[in-house]
Amino acid sequence: MSKNKTTPLKKGKKYDFRVFKTNETWNAEIIRRVTSVKTVVSKKQSNFKKEADATAWAEQEIVLFLQKQSERNKRHAEQRS
């Protein structure tokens, strides 16, 4: 009998986040992998004073973003059937 392991929806193959510094502020982006080369920014926030603040925002928002995306996909699947 095998046990199913559940992983938190923090990151996936398709969605991730990146944090980077511009001038004196930190920025965070939720990115989506379109192809193996191309990525698209799905959501972004800027003007964080600390890297930790930007990372905390990104970690929180990616979970909410993936939940909303999952609900949206379910609604669209129901409409198609």
C-alpha atoms as a PDB file:
ATOM      1  CA  MET A   1       0.000   0.000   0.000  1.00  0.00           C
ATOM      2  CA  SER A   2       1.558   3.322  -1.025  1.00  0.00           C
ATOM      3  CA  LYS A   3       1.063   6.579   0.772  1.00  0.00           C
ATOM      4  CA  ASN A   4       0.281   9.733  -1.169  1.00  0.00           C
ATOM      5  CA  LYS A   5       2.532  12.628  -0.318  1.00  0.00           C
ATOM      6  CA  THR A   6       1.137  16.109  -0.560  1.00  0.00           C
ATOM      7  CA  THR A   7       3.422  19.043  -1.137  1.00  0.00           C
ATOM      8  CA  PRO A   8       2.533  22.608  -0.313  1.00  0.00           C
ATOM      9  CA  LEU A   9       1.536  24.759  -3.286  1.00  0.00           C
ATOM     10  CA  LYS A  10       4.379  27.189  -2.799  1.00  0.00           C
ATOM     11  CA  LYS A  11       6.153  26.567  -6.071  1.00  0.00           C
ATOM     12  CA  GLY A  12       5.520  24.403  -9.061  1.00  0.00           C
ATOM     13  CA  LYS A  13       7.124  23.586 -12.329  1.00  0.00           C
ATOM     14  CA  LYS A  14       5.115  26.249 -14.059  1.00  0.00           C
ATOM     15  CA  TYR A  15       5.034  29.030 -11.438  1.00  0.00           C
ATOM     16  CA  ASP A  16       7.817  30.476  -9.344  1.00  0.00           C
ATOM     17  CA  PHE A  17       8.905  33.828  -7.957  1.00  0.00           C
ATOM     18  CA  ARG A  18      11.998  35.940  -8.134  1.00  0.00           C
ATOM     19  CA  VAL A  19      13.272  38.757  -5.944  1.00  0.00           C
ATOM     20  CA  PHE A  20      15.731  41.333  -7.224  1.00  0.00           C
ATOM     21  CA  LYS A  21      17.140  44.713  -6.314  1.00  0.00           C
ATOM     22  CA  THR A  22      16.847  47.872  -8.414  1.00  0.00           C
ATOM     23  CA  ASN A  23      18.625  50.966  -7.144  1.00  0.00           C
ATOM     24  CA  GLU A  24      17.819  51.031  -3.418  1.00  0.00           C
ATOM     25  CA  THR A  25      14.550  49.038  -3.408  1.00  0.00           C
ATOM     26  CA  TRP A  26      13.646  45.362  -3.725  1.00  0.00           C
ATOM     27  CA  ASN A  27      11.107  43.968  -6.181  1.00  0.00           C
ATOM     28  CA  ALA A  28       9.259  40.657  -6.277  1.00  0.00           C
ATOM     29  CA  GLU A  29       7.624  38.972  -9.271  1.00  0.00           C
ATOM     30  CA  ILE A  30       5.499  35.874  -9.690  1.00  0.00           C
ATOM     31  CA  ILE A  31       6.596  34.338 -12.963  1.00  0.00           C
ATOM     32  CA  ARG A  32       5.050  31.695 -15.197  1.00  0.00           C
ATOM     33  CA  ARG A  33       7.079  29.393 -17.393  1.00  0.00           C
ATOM     34  CA  VAL A  34       5.541  29.504 -20.899  1.00  0.00           C
ATOM     35  CA  THR A  35       8.189  27.452 -22.692  1.00  0.00           C
ATOM     36  CA  SER A  36      11.563  26.122 -21.686  1.00  0.00           C
ATOM     37  CA  VAL A  37      13.042  29.507 -22.602  1.00  0.00           C
ATOM     38  CA  LYS A  38      10.258  32.074 -22.207  1.00  0.00           C
ATOM     39  CA  THR A  39       8.798  33.310 -18.913  1.00  0.00           C
ATOM     40  CA  VAL A  40       6.009  35.815 -18.280  1.00  0.00           C
ATOM     41  CA  VAL A  41       5.458  37.970 -15.206  1.00  0.00           C
ATOM     42  CA  SER A  42       1.997  37.205 -13.799  1.00  0.00           C
ATOM     43  CA  LYS A  43       2.117  39.555 -10.809  1.00  0.00           C
ATOM     44  CA  LYS A  44       4.636  42.006  -9.384  1.00  0.00           C
ATOM     45  CA  GLN A  45       5.192  44.329  -6.466  1.00  0.00           C
ATOM     46  CA  SER A  46       7.985  46.835  -6.001  1.00  0.00           C
ATOM     47  CA  ASN A  47       9.468  49.323  -3.525  1.00  0.00           C
ATOM     48  CA  PHE A  48      10.245  46.936  -0.672  1.00  0.00           C
ATOM     49  CA  LYS A  49      12.822  48.262   1.779  1.00  0.00           C
ATOM     50  CA  LYS A  50      14.260  44.829   2.631  1.00  0.00           C
ATOM     51  CA  GLU A  51      14.841  41.642   0.690  1.00  0.00           C
ATOM     52  CA  ALA A  52      13.066  39.690   3.433  1.00  0.00           C
ATOM     53  CA  ASP A  53       9.905  41.771   2.944  1.00  0.00           C
ATOM     54  CA  ALA A  54       9.914  41.115  -0.803  1.00  0.00           C
ATOM     55  CA  THR A  55      10.467  37.396  -0.290  1.00  0.00           C
ATOM     56  CA  ALA A  56       7.689  37.182   2.310  1.00  0.00           C
ATOM     57  CA  TRP A  57       5.269  38.955  -0.049  1.00  0.00           C
ATOM     58  CA  ALA A  58       6.195  36.661  -2.935  1.00  0.00           C
ATOM     59  CA  GLU A  59       5.819  33.493  -0.861  1.00  0.00           C
ATOM     60  CA  GLN A  60       2.416  34.605   0.394  1.00  0.00           C
ATOM     61  CA  GLU A  61       1.157  35.797  -2.985  1.00  0.00           C
ATOM     62  CA  ILE A  62       2.225  32.720  -4.936  1.00  0.00           C
ATOM     63  CA  VAL A  63       0.101  30.530  -2.666  1.00  0.00           C
ATOM     64  CA  LEU A  64      -2.931  32.807  -3.149  1.00  0.00           C
ATOM     65  CA  PHE A  65      -2.254  33.099  -6.877  1.00  0.00           C
ATOM     66  CA  LEU A  66      -2.114  29.319  -7.329  1.00  0.00           C
ATOM     67  CA  GLN A  67      -5.323  28.858  -5.319  1.00  0.00           C
ATOM     68  CA  LYS A  68      -7.148  31.421  -7.464  1.00  0.00           C
ATOM     69  CA  GLN A  69      -5.768  29.848 -10.623  1.00  0.00           C
ATOM     70  CA  SER A  70      -6.906  26.398  -9.526  1.00  0.00           C
ATOM     71  CA  GLU A  71     -10.437  27.653  -8.768  1.00  0.00           C
ATOM     72  CA  ARG A  72     -10.557  29.439 -12.116  1.00  0.00           C
ATOM     73  CA  ASN A  73      -9.466  26.288 -13.945  1.00  0.00           C
ATOM     74  CA  LYS A  74     -12.190  24.267 -12.206  1.00  0.00           C
ATOM     75  CA  ARG A  75     -14.869  26.809 -13.176  1.00  0.00           C
ATOM     76  CA  HIS A  76     -13.748  26.775 -16.795  1.00  0.00           C
ATOM     77  CA  ALA A  77     -13.686  22.971 -16.838  1.00  0.00           C
ATOM     78  CA  GLU A  78     -17.269  22.892 -15.559  1.00  0.00           C
ATOM     79  CA  GLN A  79     -18.362  25.332 -18.260  1.00  0.00           C
ATOM     80  CA  ARG A  80     -16.762  23.180 -20.962  1.00  0.00           C
ATOM     81  CA  SER A  81     -18.550  20.013 -19.846  1.00  0.00           C
END
